Amino acid sequence: AGYGAPVAVIVALLVGILAGLVNGVLIAYAGLSSFVVTLGMMSIARSAAIVLSDNRMIYEFGPHGPAFKAFAGGDLFGISKPLVTMVVLAVIVGIVLKFTTWGRHLYAIGGNEHAARLTGVPVDRVKTQAYVLSGLTAAIAAILYIGWQGSAINSLGATYELRVIASTVIGGANLMGGEGGAYGAVVGAALLEVIRNGLLMEGIDSNWQGAF
C-alpha cells in the first residue's frame, strides 16, 4: 500500500498479537473450545489474506524492499537469520518455561487446569498470555519466511499446522498438556526437515513426503 517495510513489519506483529488475544479471550474467558476457536481464526486469517491481497503474489516491497529482505531473510556470519532467530527464541522460551513463575504456571495449567485454579494460579490470564505469545511468534515466523523467500502469497504456511503438531509431539509434548518444551520442539522440527531434505536429495517424488 506504499507505507514501507517498517510499518508493514509493525502491523504484522500487531496483527499476530491481536489474533492471539482474540483466541485467548474466547478460550480462557468465554470458555469456548480451543480447537474450534484456533481453527476458526486460521480460516478467518486465510480468507482475509486472499481478500486483502486480491489473490495475487506480492513481491514488490517498495523502497525498503532490499533492506527488508536483508533484515528478515539474509544471513548472519554465514548462518540464515531465520535459523538464528529460531535458536535465540528457543533459548529464551526454554529459560522462561523452566525458571520463571509464569512458565511453572503454564505447565500446571496444562497438567491439571482445575487443580491449578484451586492453588491460586491466574489460569485465565496465563492462558490468554500464552495465546498472545503464540500469535506473536507466528507473526515473527511469517516475516522471516517472507524476507527469506522474497515474496508473499496468501497460501503461505498452508498445512504448516500439521508440521507444528508433528514437531512438538515428536519433541516430547503431550497434546493433553503439561509436558514438553521449546528445545524438544526444535529437535522435532529439525528431524522432520532432515527427513524431508533427505527425500529430496535422494530424488524421491515430493508427493510421497507426507507418507514418509
N, C-alpha and C. Protein backbone atom coordinates (compact mmCIF):
# COMPACT_ATOMS: atom_id res chain seq x y z
N ALA A 1 0.83 -1.22 0.00
CA ALA A 1 0.00 0.00 0.00
C ALA A 1 0.85 1.26 0.00
N GLY A 2 2.16 1.11 -0.03
CA GLY A 2 3.04 2.26 -0.12
C GLY A 2 3.55 2.79 1.18
N TYR A 3 3.33 2.11 2.29
CA TYR A 3 3.76 2.60 3.59
C TYR A 3 5.18 2.20 3.95
N GLY A 4 5.75 1.27 3.24
CA GLY A 4 7.12 0.86 3.51
C GLY A 4 7.21 -0.33 4.44
N ALA A 5 8.35 -0.99 4.40
CA ALA A 5 8.56 -2.23 5.16
C ALA A 5 8.48 -2.05 6.67
N PRO A 6 9.06 -0.99 7.26
CA PRO A 6 8.99 -0.87 8.74
C PRO A 6 7.56 -0.87 9.26
N VAL A 7 6.67 -0.13 8.59
CA VAL A 7 5.27 -0.10 9.01
C VAL A 7 4.64 -1.47 8.83
N ALA A 8 4.96 -2.13 7.72
CA ALA A 8 4.40 -3.45 7.44
C ALA A 8 4.81 -4.46 8.52
N VAL A 9 6.07 -4.40 8.94
CA VAL A 9 6.55 -5.33 9.98
C VAL A 9 5.82 -5.08 11.29
N ILE A 10 5.66 -3.82 11.67
CA ILE A 10 4.97 -3.48 12.92
C ILE A 10 3.52 -3.93 12.87
N VAL A 11 2.86 -3.66 11.74
CA VAL A 11 1.46 -4.06 11.60
C VAL A 11 1.33 -5.58 11.66
N ALA A 12 2.25 -6.29 11.01
CA ALA A 12 2.21 -7.76 11.03
C ALA A 12 2.32 -8.29 12.45
N LEU A 13 3.23 -7.72 13.24
CA LEU A 13 3.39 -8.14 14.63
C LEU A 13 2.13 -7.84 15.44
N LEU A 14 1.53 -6.68 15.20
CA LEU A 14 0.32 -6.30 15.93
C LEU A 14 -0.85 -7.21 15.55
N VAL A 15 -0.93 -7.58 14.27
CA VAL A 15 -2.00 -8.49 13.83
C VAL A 15 -1.83 -9.85 14.49
N GLY A 16 -0.59 -10.32 14.58
CA GLY A 16 -0.35 -11.59 15.26
C GLY A 16 -0.76 -11.54 16.72
N ILE A 17 -0.40 -10.45 17.39
CA ILE A 17 -0.77 -10.27 18.80
C ILE A 17 -2.29 -10.22 18.94
N LEU A 18 -2.95 -9.49 18.04
CA LEU A 18 -4.41 -9.35 18.10
C LEU A 18 -5.10 -10.70 17.90
N ALA A 19 -4.62 -11.47 16.93
CA ALA A 19 -5.20 -12.79 16.68
C ALA A 19 -5.06 -13.67 17.92
N GLY A 20 -3.87 -13.65 18.53
CA GLY A 20 -3.65 -14.43 19.74
C GLY A 20 -4.51 -13.96 20.90
N LEU A 21 -4.69 -12.65 21.01
CA LEU A 21 -5.51 -12.09 22.09
C LEU A 21 -6.97 -12.50 21.94
N VAL A 22 -7.48 -12.43 20.71
CA VAL A 22 -8.87 -12.84 20.47
C VAL A 22 -9.04 -14.32 20.81
N ASN A 23 -8.09 -15.14 20.35
CA ASN A 23 -8.14 -16.57 20.68
C ASN A 23 -8.15 -16.78 22.18
N GLY A 24 -7.21 -16.12 22.86
CA GLY A 24 -7.06 -16.30 24.30
C GLY A 24 -8.30 -15.89 25.08
N VAL A 25 -8.88 -14.76 24.72
CA VAL A 25 -10.07 -14.27 25.43
C VAL A 25 -11.25 -15.21 25.22
N LEU A 26 -11.45 -15.65 23.97
CA LEU A 26 -12.57 -16.54 23.68
C LEU A 26 -12.42 -17.90 24.37
N ILE A 27 -11.17 -18.37 24.47
CA ILE A 27 -10.92 -19.68 25.08
C ILE A 27 -10.91 -19.59 26.61
N ALA A 28 -10.16 -18.63 27.13
CA ALA A 28 -9.98 -18.55 28.59
C ALA A 28 -11.18 -17.95 29.30
N TYR A 29 -11.74 -16.88 28.75
CA TYR A 29 -12.80 -16.16 29.46
C TYR A 29 -14.21 -16.54 28.99
N ALA A 30 -14.35 -16.84 27.69
CA ALA A 30 -15.68 -17.23 27.18
C ALA A 30 -15.90 -18.73 27.29
N GLY A 31 -14.82 -19.48 27.52
CA GLY A 31 -14.96 -20.91 27.72
C GLY A 31 -15.19 -21.72 26.46
N LEU A 32 -14.84 -21.17 25.32
CA LEU A 32 -15.03 -21.90 24.06
C LEU A 32 -13.90 -22.91 23.85
N SER A 33 -14.15 -23.89 23.00
CA SER A 33 -13.17 -24.93 22.72
C SER A 33 -11.95 -24.34 22.03
N SER A 34 -10.76 -24.68 22.51
CA SER A 34 -9.53 -24.16 21.92
C SER A 34 -9.39 -24.62 20.47
N PHE A 35 -9.77 -25.85 20.18
CA PHE A 35 -9.67 -26.37 18.82
C PHE A 35 -10.57 -25.59 17.87
N VAL A 36 -11.81 -25.35 18.28
CA VAL A 36 -12.76 -24.64 17.43
C VAL A 36 -12.31 -23.20 17.20
N VAL A 37 -11.89 -22.52 18.26
CA VAL A 37 -11.50 -21.11 18.16
C VAL A 37 -10.28 -20.93 17.28
N THR A 38 -9.23 -21.72 17.51
CA THR A 38 -8.00 -21.55 16.73
C THR A 38 -8.20 -21.96 15.28
N LEU A 39 -8.99 -23.01 15.04
CA LEU A 39 -9.29 -23.41 13.67
C LEU A 39 -10.09 -22.32 12.96
N GLY A 40 -11.04 -21.72 13.69
CA GLY A 40 -11.82 -20.63 13.12
C GLY A 40 -10.96 -19.42 12.80
N MET A 41 -10.04 -19.08 13.70
CA MET A 41 -9.15 -17.94 13.46
C MET A 41 -8.26 -18.19 12.25
N MET A 42 -7.80 -19.43 12.09
CA MET A 42 -6.98 -19.77 10.93
C MET A 42 -7.77 -19.56 9.63
N SER A 43 -9.01 -19.99 9.62
CA SER A 43 -9.85 -19.83 8.44
C SER A 43 -10.10 -18.36 8.14
N ILE A 44 -10.38 -17.59 9.18
CA ILE A 44 -10.61 -16.15 9.00
C ILE A 44 -9.37 -15.46 8.45
N ALA A 45 -8.21 -15.80 9.02
CA ALA A 45 -6.96 -15.17 8.60
C ALA A 45 -6.63 -15.50 7.14
N ARG A 46 -6.84 -16.76 6.75
CA ARG A 46 -6.54 -17.15 5.37
C ARG A 46 -7.49 -16.47 4.38
N SER A 47 -8.77 -16.36 4.75
CA SER A 47 -9.71 -15.67 3.89
C SER A 47 -9.35 -14.19 3.77
N ALA A 48 -8.97 -13.58 4.89
CA ALA A 48 -8.57 -12.17 4.88
C ALA A 48 -7.34 -11.96 4.01
N ALA A 49 -6.40 -12.91 4.05
CA ALA A 49 -5.19 -12.80 3.24
C ALA A 49 -5.54 -12.81 1.75
N ILE A 50 -6.47 -13.65 1.37
CA ILE A 50 -6.88 -13.73 -0.04
C ILE A 50 -7.56 -12.43 -0.47
N VAL A 51 -8.46 -11.92 0.38
CA VAL A 51 -9.20 -10.70 0.04
C VAL A 51 -8.27 -9.49 -0.03
N LEU A 52 -7.42 -9.33 0.99
CA LEU A 52 -6.56 -8.15 1.06
C LEU A 52 -5.48 -8.14 -0.02
N SER A 53 -5.06 -9.33 -0.47
CA SER A 53 -4.02 -9.40 -1.50
C SER A 53 -4.60 -9.48 -2.91
N ASP A 54 -5.93 -9.44 -3.01
CA ASP A 54 -6.59 -9.65 -4.31
C ASP A 54 -6.17 -10.96 -4.94
N ASN A 55 -5.87 -11.91 -4.10
CA ASN A 55 -5.49 -13.27 -4.54
C ASN A 55 -4.30 -13.26 -5.50
N ARG A 56 -3.31 -12.43 -5.19
CA ARG A 56 -2.13 -12.36 -6.05
C ARG A 56 -0.86 -12.41 -5.20
N MET A 57 0.24 -12.76 -5.87
CA MET A 57 1.53 -12.78 -5.19
C MET A 57 2.05 -11.36 -5.03
N ILE A 58 2.64 -11.08 -3.89
CA ILE A 58 3.23 -9.76 -3.63
C ILE A 58 4.75 -9.92 -3.58
N TYR A 59 5.43 -9.25 -4.47
CA TYR A 59 6.89 -9.35 -4.50
C TYR A 59 7.56 -7.98 -4.59
N GLU A 60 6.77 -6.92 -4.71
CA GLU A 60 7.31 -5.56 -4.71
C GLU A 60 7.13 -4.99 -3.31
N PHE A 61 8.25 -4.81 -2.61
CA PHE A 61 8.20 -4.36 -1.22
C PHE A 61 8.53 -2.88 -1.05
N GLY A 62 8.52 -2.14 -2.15
CA GLY A 62 8.71 -0.70 -2.05
C GLY A 62 10.17 -0.30 -1.86
N PRO A 63 10.40 0.96 -1.48
CA PRO A 63 11.77 1.47 -1.37
C PRO A 63 12.62 0.76 -0.32
N HIS A 64 11.96 0.16 0.68
CA HIS A 64 12.70 -0.55 1.73
C HIS A 64 12.82 -2.04 1.44
N GLY A 65 12.42 -2.45 0.22
CA GLY A 65 12.42 -3.87 -0.12
C GLY A 65 13.75 -4.57 0.10
N PRO A 66 14.83 -4.07 -0.47
CA PRO A 66 16.12 -4.74 -0.29
C PRO A 66 16.55 -4.80 1.18
N ALA A 67 16.30 -3.71 1.91
CA ALA A 67 16.67 -3.69 3.33
C ALA A 67 15.84 -4.70 4.12
N PHE A 68 14.54 -4.81 3.77
CA PHE A 68 13.68 -5.76 4.46
C PHE A 68 14.14 -7.19 4.20
N LYS A 69 14.47 -7.50 2.96
CA LYS A 69 14.91 -8.86 2.62
C LYS A 69 16.22 -9.19 3.34
N ALA A 70 17.11 -8.20 3.43
CA ALA A 70 18.38 -8.43 4.13
C ALA A 70 18.16 -8.57 5.63
N PHE A 71 17.21 -7.79 6.17
CA PHE A 71 16.92 -7.81 7.60
C PHE A 71 16.26 -9.13 8.02
N ALA A 72 15.27 -9.57 7.24
CA ALA A 72 14.48 -10.73 7.63
C ALA A 72 15.00 -12.03 7.05
N GLY A 73 15.56 -11.96 5.85
CA GLY A 73 15.91 -13.21 5.19
C GLY A 73 17.37 -13.39 4.85
N GLY A 74 18.21 -12.47 5.29
CA GLY A 74 19.63 -12.58 4.99
C GLY A 74 20.32 -13.58 5.90
N ASP A 75 21.63 -13.44 6.01
CA ASP A 75 22.36 -14.34 6.90
C ASP A 75 23.22 -13.55 7.87
N LEU A 76 23.61 -14.20 8.93
CA LEU A 76 24.44 -13.60 9.97
C LEU A 76 25.63 -14.52 10.19
N PHE A 77 26.81 -14.04 9.80
CA PHE A 77 28.04 -14.85 9.89
C PHE A 77 27.88 -16.19 9.15
N GLY A 78 27.20 -16.10 7.99
CA GLY A 78 27.04 -17.29 7.16
C GLY A 78 25.90 -18.20 7.56
N ILE A 79 25.14 -17.83 8.62
CA ILE A 79 24.00 -18.64 9.06
C ILE A 79 22.72 -17.85 8.80
N SER A 80 21.73 -18.51 8.24
CA SER A 80 20.50 -17.81 7.88
C SER A 80 19.85 -17.20 9.12
N LYS A 81 19.33 -15.99 8.96
CA LYS A 81 18.72 -15.29 10.09
C LYS A 81 17.49 -16.00 10.66
N PRO A 82 16.65 -16.63 9.82
CA PRO A 82 15.55 -17.39 10.41
C PRO A 82 16.04 -18.48 11.37
N LEU A 83 17.14 -19.15 11.01
CA LEU A 83 17.69 -20.19 11.89
C LEU A 83 18.23 -19.58 13.18
N VAL A 84 18.95 -18.46 13.04
CA VAL A 84 19.49 -17.77 14.22
C VAL A 84 18.35 -17.34 15.14
N THR A 85 17.29 -16.78 14.55
CA THR A 85 16.15 -16.32 15.33
C THR A 85 15.48 -17.47 16.06
N MET A 86 15.34 -18.61 15.37
CA MET A 86 14.74 -19.79 15.99
C MET A 86 15.53 -20.24 17.22
N VAL A 87 16.84 -20.29 17.08
CA VAL A 87 17.69 -20.74 18.19
C VAL A 87 17.58 -19.76 19.37
N VAL A 88 17.65 -18.47 19.07
CA VAL A 88 17.57 -17.45 20.13
C VAL A 88 16.23 -17.53 20.85
N LEU A 89 15.14 -17.62 20.08
CA LEU A 89 13.81 -17.70 20.70
C LEU A 89 13.65 -18.98 21.50
N ALA A 90 14.20 -20.09 20.99
CA ALA A 90 14.10 -21.36 21.71
C ALA A 90 14.79 -21.27 23.06
N VAL A 91 15.97 -20.65 23.09
CA VAL A 91 16.70 -20.50 24.34
C VAL A 91 15.92 -19.62 25.32
N ILE A 92 15.39 -18.49 24.81
CA ILE A 92 14.64 -17.57 25.67
C ILE A 92 13.40 -18.25 26.24
N VAL A 93 12.62 -18.90 25.36
CA VAL A 93 11.39 -19.55 25.81
C VAL A 93 11.71 -20.72 26.73
N GLY A 94 12.78 -21.46 26.42
CA GLY A 94 13.18 -22.56 27.29
C GLY A 94 13.50 -22.10 28.70
N ILE A 95 14.22 -20.98 28.80
CA ILE A 95 14.56 -20.41 30.11
C ILE A 95 13.30 -19.95 30.84
N VAL A 96 12.41 -19.28 30.11
CA VAL A 96 11.17 -18.78 30.70
C VAL A 96 10.33 -19.93 31.24
N LEU A 97 10.21 -21.00 30.46
CA LEU A 97 9.38 -22.13 30.89
C LEU A 97 9.97 -22.84 32.11
N LYS A 98 11.28 -22.88 32.20
CA LYS A 98 11.93 -23.66 33.26
C LYS A 98 12.16 -22.86 34.54
N PHE A 99 12.45 -21.58 34.41
CA PHE A 99 12.93 -20.84 35.57
C PHE A 99 12.02 -19.70 36.03
N THR A 100 10.87 -19.51 35.41
CA THR A 100 10.01 -18.40 35.83
C THR A 100 8.69 -18.92 36.39
N THR A 101 8.05 -18.09 37.19
CA THR A 101 6.74 -18.43 37.75
C THR A 101 5.72 -18.64 36.64
N TRP A 102 5.78 -17.79 35.63
CA TRP A 102 4.83 -17.90 34.51
C TRP A 102 4.97 -19.25 33.82
N GLY A 103 6.20 -19.70 33.61
CA GLY A 103 6.43 -21.00 32.99
C GLY A 103 5.87 -22.13 33.82
N ARG A 104 6.09 -22.08 35.14
CA ARG A 104 5.56 -23.12 36.02
C ARG A 104 4.04 -23.11 36.03
N HIS A 105 3.46 -21.92 35.98
CA HIS A 105 2.00 -21.82 35.91
C HIS A 105 1.47 -22.45 34.63
N LEU A 106 2.18 -22.23 33.54
CA LEU A 106 1.76 -22.77 32.25
C LEU A 106 1.73 -24.30 32.29
N TYR A 107 2.78 -24.90 32.84
CA TYR A 107 2.83 -26.36 32.97
C TYR A 107 1.73 -26.87 33.90
N ALA A 108 1.49 -26.13 34.97
CA ALA A 108 0.46 -26.52 35.94
C ALA A 108 -0.92 -26.53 35.29
N ILE A 109 -1.19 -25.50 34.49
CA ILE A 109 -2.48 -25.42 33.80
C ILE A 109 -2.62 -26.56 32.80
N GLY A 110 -1.53 -26.85 32.08
CA GLY A 110 -1.58 -27.95 31.13
C GLY A 110 -1.76 -29.29 31.80
N GLY A 111 -1.17 -29.46 32.98
CA GLY A 111 -1.27 -30.73 33.69
C GLY A 111 -2.65 -30.95 34.29
N ASN A 112 -3.18 -29.92 34.97
CA ASN A 112 -4.49 -30.04 35.59
C ASN A 112 -5.02 -28.62 35.83
N GLU A 113 -5.83 -28.15 34.92
CA GLU A 113 -6.31 -26.76 34.99
C GLU A 113 -7.13 -26.51 36.25
N HIS A 114 -7.97 -27.45 36.62
CA HIS A 114 -8.82 -27.26 37.80
C HIS A 114 -7.97 -27.17 39.07
N ALA A 115 -6.98 -28.06 39.18
CA ALA A 115 -6.10 -28.04 40.35
C ALA A 115 -5.29 -26.75 40.40
N ALA A 116 -4.82 -26.30 39.23
CA ALA A 116 -4.06 -25.05 39.17
C ALA A 116 -4.91 -23.88 39.63
N ARG A 117 -6.16 -23.87 39.24
CA ARG A 117 -7.06 -22.78 39.65
C ARG A 117 -7.28 -22.79 41.16
N LEU A 118 -7.40 -23.99 41.73
CA LEU A 118 -7.62 -24.11 43.17
C LEU A 118 -6.41 -23.67 43.98
N THR A 119 -5.21 -23.79 43.39
CA THR A 119 -3.99 -23.40 44.11
C THR A 119 -3.64 -21.92 43.91
N GLY A 120 -4.52 -21.19 43.25
CA GLY A 120 -4.31 -19.75 43.12
C GLY A 120 -3.64 -19.29 41.85
N VAL A 121 -3.42 -20.18 40.88
CA VAL A 121 -2.83 -19.79 39.61
C VAL A 121 -3.84 -18.97 38.81
N PRO A 122 -3.45 -17.79 38.29
CA PRO A 122 -4.38 -16.99 37.47
C PRO A 122 -4.56 -17.63 36.10
N VAL A 123 -5.35 -18.68 36.06
CA VAL A 123 -5.45 -19.54 34.87
C VAL A 123 -5.86 -18.77 33.63
N ASP A 124 -6.93 -17.99 33.72
CA ASP A 124 -7.45 -17.29 32.54
C ASP A 124 -6.42 -16.32 31.97
N ARG A 125 -5.76 -15.59 32.85
CA ARG A 125 -4.77 -14.62 32.39
C ARG A 125 -3.58 -15.30 31.74
N VAL A 126 -3.07 -16.36 32.35
CA VAL A 126 -1.91 -17.05 31.81
C VAL A 126 -2.23 -17.70 30.47
N LYS A 127 -3.42 -18.30 30.35
CA LYS A 127 -3.82 -18.91 29.08
C LYS A 127 -3.90 -17.85 27.98
N THR A 128 -4.49 -16.71 28.30
CA THR A 128 -4.59 -15.64 27.30
C THR A 128 -3.20 -15.17 26.88
N GLN A 129 -2.31 -15.01 27.84
CA GLN A 129 -0.94 -14.59 27.52
C GLN A 129 -0.23 -15.62 26.65
N ALA A 130 -0.50 -16.90 26.88
CA ALA A 130 0.12 -17.95 26.07
C ALA A 130 -0.33 -17.86 24.61
N TYR A 131 -1.62 -17.57 24.41
CA TYR A 131 -2.12 -17.44 23.03
C TYR A 131 -1.59 -16.17 22.37
N VAL A 132 -1.42 -15.11 23.14
CA VAL A 132 -0.83 -13.88 22.60
C VAL A 132 0.60 -14.16 22.15
N LEU A 133 1.36 -14.87 22.99
CA LEU A 133 2.74 -15.22 22.64
C LEU A 133 2.77 -16.09 21.38
N SER A 134 1.83 -17.01 21.28
CA SER A 134 1.75 -17.87 20.10
C SER A 134 1.49 -17.05 18.84
N GLY A 135 0.56 -16.11 18.92
CA GLY A 135 0.27 -15.25 17.78
C GLY A 135 1.46 -14.39 17.38
N LEU A 136 2.17 -13.88 18.39
CA LEU A 136 3.35 -13.05 18.12
C LEU A 136 4.43 -13.85 17.41
N THR A 137 4.70 -15.07 17.89
CA THR A 137 5.76 -15.87 17.27
C THR A 137 5.37 -16.32 15.87
N ALA A 138 4.06 -16.54 15.64
CA ALA A 138 3.60 -16.87 14.28
C ALA A 138 3.86 -15.70 13.34
N ALA A 139 3.63 -14.47 13.82
CA ALA A 139 3.89 -13.28 13.01
C ALA A 139 5.37 -13.13 12.71
N ILE A 140 6.21 -13.38 13.71
CA ILE A 140 7.67 -13.31 13.51
C ILE A 140 8.09 -14.32 12.45
N ALA A 141 7.55 -15.54 12.54
CA ALA A 141 7.89 -16.58 11.56
C ALA A 141 7.47 -16.16 10.16
N ALA A 142 6.30 -15.55 10.04
CA ALA A 142 5.81 -15.11 8.73
C ALA A 142 6.71 -14.03 8.13
N ILE A 143 7.12 -13.08 8.95
CA ILE A 143 8.01 -12.00 8.48
C ILE A 143 9.33 -12.58 8.00
N LEU A 144 9.90 -13.50 8.77
CA LEU A 144 11.17 -14.12 8.39
C LEU A 144 11.02 -14.94 7.11
N TYR A 145 9.92 -15.66 7.02
CA TYR A 145 9.69 -16.50 5.84
C TYR A 145 9.57 -15.66 4.58
N ILE A 146 8.81 -14.56 4.67
CA ILE A 146 8.62 -13.69 3.51
C ILE A 146 9.94 -13.02 3.11
N GLY A 147 10.72 -12.59 4.11
CA GLY A 147 12.02 -11.99 3.81
C GLY A 147 12.96 -12.99 3.16
N TRP A 148 12.92 -14.23 3.63
CA TRP A 148 13.79 -15.28 3.09
C TRP A 148 13.37 -15.65 1.67
N GLN A 149 12.04 -15.76 1.46
CA GLN A 149 11.52 -16.18 0.16
C GLN A 149 11.51 -15.05 -0.84
N GLY A 150 11.39 -13.81 -0.37
CA GLY A 150 11.38 -12.66 -1.26
C GLY A 150 10.04 -12.35 -1.86
N SER A 151 9.00 -13.01 -1.41
CA SER A 151 7.65 -12.75 -1.92
C SER A 151 6.64 -13.27 -0.91
N ALA A 152 5.39 -12.83 -1.07
CA ALA A 152 4.32 -13.26 -0.18
C ALA A 152 3.14 -13.73 -1.00
N ILE A 153 2.64 -14.93 -0.70
CA ILE A 153 1.42 -15.43 -1.32
C ILE A 153 0.45 -15.81 -0.21
N ASN A 154 -0.85 -15.72 -0.53
CA ASN A 154 -1.84 -15.92 0.54
C ASN A 154 -1.94 -17.37 1.00
N SER A 155 -1.33 -18.30 0.28
CA SER A 155 -1.34 -19.70 0.72
C SER A 155 -0.11 -20.04 1.57
N LEU A 156 0.69 -19.03 1.88
CA LEU A 156 1.91 -19.24 2.66
C LEU A 156 1.57 -19.86 4.02
N GLY A 157 2.24 -20.94 4.35
CA GLY A 157 2.01 -21.58 5.64
C GLY A 157 0.88 -22.60 5.65
N ALA A 158 0.23 -22.80 4.50
CA ALA A 158 -0.85 -23.79 4.44
C ALA A 158 -0.31 -25.18 4.78
N THR A 159 -1.04 -25.90 5.60
CA THR A 159 -0.70 -27.25 6.11
C THR A 159 0.44 -27.23 7.13
N TYR A 160 0.98 -26.04 7.44
CA TYR A 160 2.08 -25.99 8.42
C TYR A 160 1.60 -26.36 9.82
N GLU A 161 0.29 -26.20 10.07
CA GLU A 161 -0.22 -26.57 11.40
C GLU A 161 0.03 -28.05 11.67
N LEU A 162 -0.02 -28.87 10.63
CA LEU A 162 0.25 -30.30 10.81
C LEU A 162 1.73 -30.53 11.14
N ARG A 163 2.60 -29.77 10.49
CA ARG A 163 4.04 -29.87 10.78
C ARG A 163 4.33 -29.46 12.21
N VAL A 164 3.65 -28.41 12.65
CA VAL A 164 3.86 -27.92 14.02
C VAL A 164 3.44 -28.97 15.04
N ILE A 165 2.26 -29.56 14.82
CA ILE A 165 1.79 -30.60 15.74
C ILE A 165 2.77 -31.76 15.76
N ALA A 166 3.19 -32.20 14.56
CA ALA A 166 4.12 -33.33 14.48
C ALA A 166 5.44 -33.00 15.17
N SER A 167 5.96 -31.80 14.94
CA SER A 167 7.24 -31.40 15.53
C SER A 167 7.19 -31.40 17.04
N THR A 168 6.12 -30.85 17.59
CA THR A 168 6.03 -30.76 19.05
C THR A 168 5.83 -32.12 19.69
N VAL A 169 5.01 -32.98 19.05
CA VAL A 169 4.77 -34.31 19.61
C VAL A 169 6.03 -35.16 19.54
N ILE A 170 6.72 -35.11 18.38
CA ILE A 170 7.99 -35.83 18.25
C ILE A 170 8.99 -35.33 19.29
N GLY A 171 8.92 -34.02 19.59
CA GLY A 171 9.83 -33.42 20.55
C GLY A 171 9.44 -33.65 22.00
N GLY A 172 8.38 -34.41 22.25
CA GLY A 172 8.05 -34.76 23.63
C GLY A 172 6.86 -34.06 24.23
N ALA A 173 6.17 -33.23 23.46
CA ALA A 173 5.00 -32.54 24.02
C ALA A 173 3.81 -33.49 24.10
N ASN A 174 3.00 -33.30 25.12
CA ASN A 174 1.77 -34.07 25.29
C ASN A 174 0.62 -33.20 24.81
N LEU A 175 -0.16 -33.69 23.86
CA LEU A 175 -1.27 -32.90 23.32
C LEU A 175 -2.33 -32.60 24.38
N MET A 176 -2.34 -33.37 25.46
CA MET A 176 -3.29 -33.12 26.54
C MET A 176 -2.76 -32.05 27.49
N GLY A 177 -1.47 -31.67 27.35
CA GLY A 177 -0.91 -30.60 28.15
C GLY A 177 0.01 -31.08 29.26
N GLY A 178 0.79 -30.13 29.79
CA GLY A 178 1.61 -30.41 30.96
C GLY A 178 3.00 -30.95 30.69
N GLU A 179 3.30 -31.35 29.47
CA GLU A 179 4.61 -31.91 29.14
C GLU A 179 5.12 -31.31 27.84
N GLY A 180 6.46 -31.21 27.75
CA GLY A 180 7.07 -30.69 26.53
C GLY A 180 7.89 -29.45 26.81
N GLY A 181 8.53 -28.94 25.77
CA GLY A 181 9.35 -27.75 25.94
C GLY A 181 9.85 -27.23 24.61
N ALA A 182 10.50 -26.08 24.66
CA ALA A 182 10.97 -25.42 23.45
C ALA A 182 12.07 -26.22 22.76
N TYR A 183 12.98 -26.76 23.53
CA TYR A 183 14.11 -27.48 22.93
C TYR A 183 13.64 -28.75 22.21
N GLY A 184 12.69 -29.44 22.81
CA GLY A 184 12.16 -30.64 22.18
C GLY A 184 11.46 -30.32 20.87
N ALA A 185 10.74 -29.19 20.84
CA ALA A 185 10.06 -28.79 19.61
C ALA A 185 11.05 -28.51 18.49
N VAL A 186 12.18 -27.90 18.84
CA VAL A 186 13.22 -27.63 17.84
C VAL A 186 13.79 -28.94 17.30
N VAL A 187 14.04 -29.88 18.20
CA VAL A 187 14.57 -31.18 17.78
C VAL A 187 13.57 -31.89 16.87
N GLY A 188 12.28 -31.85 17.24
CA GLY A 188 11.25 -32.46 16.42
C GLY A 188 11.17 -31.84 15.04
N ALA A 189 11.22 -30.51 14.97
CA ALA A 189 11.17 -29.82 13.69
C ALA A 189 12.40 -30.14 12.85
N ALA A 190 13.57 -30.19 13.49
CA ALA A 190 14.80 -30.50 12.78
C ALA A 190 14.76 -31.90 12.19
N LEU A 191 14.22 -32.85 12.97
CA LEU A 191 14.13 -34.23 12.49
C LEU A 191 13.24 -34.32 11.25
N LEU A 192 12.10 -33.65 11.29
CA LEU A 192 11.20 -33.66 10.14
C LEU A 192 11.86 -33.06 8.91
N GLU A 193 12.60 -31.96 9.11
CA GLU A 193 13.26 -31.31 7.97
C GLU A 193 14.41 -32.15 7.42
N VAL A 194 15.10 -32.86 8.30
CA VAL A 194 16.17 -33.76 7.85
C VAL A 194 15.58 -34.87 6.97
N ILE A 195 14.44 -35.42 7.40
CA ILE A 195 13.77 -36.46 6.61
C ILE A 195 13.32 -35.89 5.26
N ARG A 196 12.69 -34.71 5.30
CA ARG A 196 12.19 -34.09 4.07
C ARG A 196 13.33 -33.78 3.11
N ASN A 197 14.41 -33.22 3.65
CA ASN A 197 15.55 -32.85 2.81
C ASN A 197 16.24 -34.10 2.25
N GLY A 198 16.31 -35.14 3.09
CA GLY A 198 16.91 -36.38 2.62
C GLY A 198 16.14 -37.00 1.47
N LEU A 199 14.81 -36.94 1.54
CA LEU A 199 13.98 -37.47 0.47
C LEU A 199 14.22 -36.70 -0.83
N LEU A 200 14.33 -35.37 -0.70
CA LEU A 200 14.58 -34.54 -1.89
C LEU A 200 15.94 -34.87 -2.50
N MET A 201 16.95 -35.01 -1.62
CA MET A 201 18.30 -35.29 -2.11
C MET A 201 18.38 -36.66 -2.78
N GLU A 202 17.54 -37.59 -2.35
CA GLU A 202 17.50 -38.92 -2.95
C GLU A 202 16.66 -38.97 -4.22
N GLY A 203 16.05 -37.83 -4.56
CA GLY A 203 15.26 -37.76 -5.78
C GLY A 203 13.89 -38.40 -5.68
N ILE A 204 13.41 -38.60 -4.46
CA ILE A 204 12.08 -39.21 -4.28
C ILE A 204 11.00 -38.16 -4.55
N ASP A 205 9.97 -38.58 -5.26
CA ASP A 205 8.86 -37.69 -5.63
C ASP A 205 8.33 -36.97 -4.38
N SER A 206 8.21 -35.64 -4.47
CA SER A 206 7.78 -34.84 -3.32
C SER A 206 6.37 -35.21 -2.86
N ASN A 207 5.56 -35.80 -3.75
CA ASN A 207 4.21 -36.20 -3.38
C ASN A 207 4.20 -37.32 -2.33
N TRP A 208 5.36 -38.00 -2.18
CA TRP A 208 5.44 -39.09 -1.21
C TRP A 208 5.92 -38.63 0.16
N GLN A 209 6.27 -37.33 0.28
CA GLN A 209 6.81 -36.84 1.54
C GLN A 209 5.85 -37.07 2.71
N GLY A 210 4.56 -36.79 2.47
CA GLY A 210 3.57 -36.96 3.53
C GLY A 210 3.52 -38.39 4.04
N ALA A 211 3.66 -39.34 3.12
CA ALA A 211 3.61 -40.76 3.52
C ALA A 211 4.79 -41.10 4.43
N PHE A 212 5.99 -40.61 4.06
CA PHE A 212 7.15 -40.89 4.91
C PHE A 212 7.02 -40.19 6.25
